[in-house]
N, C-alpha and C. Protein backbone atom coordinates (compact mmCIF):
# COMPACT_ATOMS: atom_id res chain seq x y z
N MET A 1 -12.67 -3.34 7.58
CA MET A 1 -10.94 -4.15 8.38
C MET A 1 -10.26 -3.19 6.73
N PRO A 2 -8.80 -2.44 7.21
CA PRO A 2 -8.44 -1.68 6.53
C PRO A 2 -7.58 -2.37 5.28
N ALA A 3 -7.52 -2.31 4.30
CA ALA A 3 -6.77 -2.66 3.46
C ALA A 3 -5.10 -2.66 3.86
N THR A 4 -4.64 -3.50 3.67
CA THR A 4 -3.24 -3.74 3.86
C THR A 4 -2.76 -4.56 2.60
N LEU A 5 -1.09 -3.87 2.10
CA LEU A 5 -0.29 -4.60 0.54
C LEU A 5 0.73 -4.63 1.31
N PRO A 6 1.16 -6.28 1.22
CA PRO A 6 2.60 -6.38 1.50
C PRO A 6 3.42 -6.07 0.55
N MET A 7 4.72 -5.14 1.50
CA MET A 7 5.82 -4.34 0.62
C MET A 7 6.72 -4.66 1.29
N SER A 8 8.30 -4.29 0.08
CA SER A 8 9.69 -4.49 0.59
C SER A 8 10.13 -2.73 0.99
N CYS A 9 10.87 -2.66 2.32
CA CYS A 9 11.40 -1.38 2.31
C CYS A 9 12.38 -1.20 1.32
N PRO A 10 12.22 0.09 0.64
CA PRO A 10 13.30 0.31 -0.12
C PRO A 10 14.99 0.94 0.47
N TYR A 11 14.80 0.74 1.37
CA TYR A 11 16.54 1.21 2.47
C TYR A 11 16.99 -0.83 3.28
N CYS A 12 16.03 -1.07 3.82
CA CYS A 12 16.35 -2.27 4.55
C CYS A 12 16.10 -3.62 3.74
N GLY A 13 14.64 -3.32 3.17
CA GLY A 13 13.98 -4.88 2.11
C GLY A 13 13.03 -5.64 2.86
N GLU A 14 13.30 -5.16 4.48
CA GLU A 14 12.21 -6.34 5.05
C GLU A 14 10.72 -6.00 4.36
N LEU A 15 10.35 -7.14 4.34
CA LEU A 15 8.94 -6.91 4.31
C LEU A 15 8.18 -6.68 5.20
N VAL A 16 7.23 -5.56 5.00
CA VAL A 16 5.85 -4.78 5.58
C VAL A 16 4.40 -4.71 5.28
N GLU A 17 4.02 -4.59 5.97
CA GLU A 17 2.77 -4.36 5.71
C GLU A 17 1.83 -3.05 5.62
N LEU A 18 1.74 -2.35 4.56
CA LEU A 18 1.44 -1.32 4.31
C LEU A 18 0.21 -1.28 4.36
N GLY A 19 -0.45 -0.19 5.35
CA GLY A 19 -1.89 0.18 5.97
C GLY A 19 -2.79 1.19 4.53
N ILE A 20 -3.64 0.64 4.22
CA ILE A 20 -4.24 2.22 3.15
C ILE A 20 -5.13 2.56 4.05
N ASP A 21 -5.77 3.80 3.66
CA ASP A 21 -6.56 4.42 3.78
C ASP A 21 -7.87 4.56 2.70
N GLU A 22 -8.62 3.65 3.14
CA GLU A 22 -9.59 3.13 1.53
C GLU A 22 -10.74 4.73 1.61
N ASP A 23 -10.96 5.24 2.58
CA ASP A 23 -11.46 6.77 2.24
C ASP A 23 -11.17 7.87 1.87
N GLY A 24 -9.79 6.90 1.59
CA GLY A 24 -8.45 9.08 1.09
C GLY A 24 -8.88 8.70 0.14
N GLY A 25 -9.50 8.01 -1.22
CA GLY A 25 -10.00 8.22 -2.45
C GLY A 25 -8.92 7.15 -3.35
N SER A 26 -8.81 7.17 -4.67
CA SER A 26 -8.42 6.42 -5.29
C SER A 26 -6.88 6.81 -5.57
N ARG A 27 -6.64 7.99 -5.23
CA ARG A 27 -5.03 7.84 -5.76
C ARG A 27 -4.52 8.72 -4.50
N GLN A 28 -3.19 8.30 -3.93
CA GLN A 28 -2.95 8.81 -2.89
C GLN A 28 -1.34 9.00 -2.76
N GLU A 29 -0.73 9.74 -2.38
CA GLU A 29 0.51 10.36 -2.10
C GLU A 29 1.19 10.94 -0.42
N PHE A 30 1.55 10.14 0.35
CA PHE A 30 2.15 10.37 1.66
C PHE A 30 3.50 9.77 1.73
N VAL A 31 4.14 10.42 2.47
CA VAL A 31 4.91 9.79 3.30
C VAL A 31 5.10 9.35 4.40
N GLN A 32 5.41 7.96 4.36
CA GLN A 32 5.81 7.06 5.76
C GLN A 32 7.09 6.54 6.50
N ASP A 33 7.18 6.13 7.51
CA ASP A 33 8.16 6.05 7.78
C ASP A 33 8.66 4.52 7.78
N CYS A 34 9.06 3.86 7.54
CA CYS A 34 9.67 2.06 7.94
C CYS A 34 9.36 1.85 9.19
N PRO A 35 8.64 0.93 9.61
CA PRO A 35 8.34 0.25 10.73
C PRO A 35 9.31 -0.42 11.46
N VAL A 36 10.50 -0.61 10.30
CA VAL A 36 11.78 -1.35 11.03
C VAL A 36 13.25 -0.66 10.97
N CYS A 37 13.35 0.34 9.89
CA CYS A 37 14.55 0.85 10.22
C CYS A 37 14.44 2.29 10.11
N CYS A 38 12.97 2.61 10.17
CA CYS A 38 12.57 4.02 10.52
C CYS A 38 12.60 5.20 9.56
N GLN A 39 13.72 4.63 8.30
CA GLN A 39 13.51 5.69 7.14
C GLN A 39 12.49 6.35 6.48
N PRO A 40 12.45 7.17 5.90
CA PRO A 40 11.10 7.84 5.05
C PRO A 40 10.91 7.62 4.10
N TRP A 41 9.41 6.74 3.83
CA TRP A 41 9.30 6.01 2.56
C TRP A 41 8.18 7.43 1.62
N GLN A 42 8.66 7.48 0.14
CA GLN A 42 7.75 8.34 -0.42
C GLN A 42 6.42 7.02 -1.22
N VAL A 43 5.30 6.90 -0.79
CA VAL A 43 4.31 6.41 -1.12
C VAL A 43 3.03 7.15 -2.34
N ALA A 44 3.34 5.74 -3.27
CA ALA A 44 2.33 6.22 -4.13
C ALA A 44 1.41 4.97 -4.00
N VAL A 45 0.24 5.27 -3.71
CA VAL A 45 -1.10 4.05 -3.36
C VAL A 45 -1.93 4.52 -4.75
N ARG A 46 -2.85 3.26 -5.62
CA ARG A 46 -3.77 3.55 -6.55
C ARG A 46 -4.57 2.51 -6.63
N ARG A 47 -5.81 2.81 -6.82
CA ARG A 47 -6.97 1.72 -6.74
C ARG A 47 -7.60 1.98 -8.45
N ASP A 48 -7.58 0.50 -8.44
CA ASP A 48 -7.71 0.73 -9.93
C ASP A 48 -9.44 0.34 -10.35
N ALA A 49 -10.06 0.24 -11.59
CA ALA A 49 -11.29 0.39 -11.86
C ALA A 49 -12.13 -0.69 -11.21
N ASP A 50 -11.57 -2.13 -10.90
CA ASP A 50 -12.07 -3.00 -10.40
C ASP A 50 -11.79 -2.76 -8.72
N GLY A 51 -11.04 -1.97 -8.20
CA GLY A 51 -11.40 -2.36 -7.22
C GLY A 51 -9.75 -2.54 -5.91
N VAL A 52 -8.69 -2.94 -7.16
CA VAL A 52 -7.87 -3.67 -6.69
C VAL A 52 -6.48 -2.33 -6.14
N TRP A 53 -5.87 -2.47 -5.33
CA TRP A 53 -4.82 -1.73 -5.00
C TRP A 53 -3.63 -2.37 -5.13
N SER A 54 -2.62 -0.74 -5.69
CA SER A 54 -1.49 -1.29 -5.71
C SER A 54 -0.51 0.14 -5.58
N ALA A 55 0.53 -0.24 -4.72
CA ALA A 55 0.99 0.66 -4.02
C ALA A 55 2.62 0.90 -4.64
N SER A 56 3.51 1.59 -4.88
CA SER A 56 5.09 1.97 -4.86
C SER A 56 6.14 2.61 -3.47
N LEU A 57 7.34 2.54 -3.41
CA LEU A 57 7.29 3.10 -2.29
C LEU A 57 9.04 3.18 -2.78
N ARG A 58 9.36 4.43 -2.66
CA ARG A 58 10.89 5.11 -3.22
C ARG A 58 11.30 5.40 -1.89
N THR A 59 12.65 6.27 -1.93
CA THR A 59 13.13 6.68 -0.81
C THR A 59 13.24 7.82 -1.18
N ALA A 60 13.48 8.64 0.10
CA ALA A 60 13.41 10.34 0.25
C ALA A 60 14.11 10.79 -0.77
N ASP A 61 14.84 10.50 -0.87
CA ASP A 61 15.67 10.87 -1.96
C ASP A 61 15.74 10.94 -3.80
N GLU A 62 14.66 10.03 -3.97
CA GLU A 62 14.55 9.96 -5.60
C GLU A 62 13.50 10.86 -6.17
């Protein structure tokens, strides 16, 4: 089962589920569009030593 994190879009504020590629490594950065407002996010995902995922979303112009 893929990991997901609940996140708020930095543009529209809607709560969305961010899917994480668990095979992509413990540090990942990518661009993904909001499924609600279609604006592009800059996504940074990290997995800590205990295996817990965290993520941050930024607007494309930050």
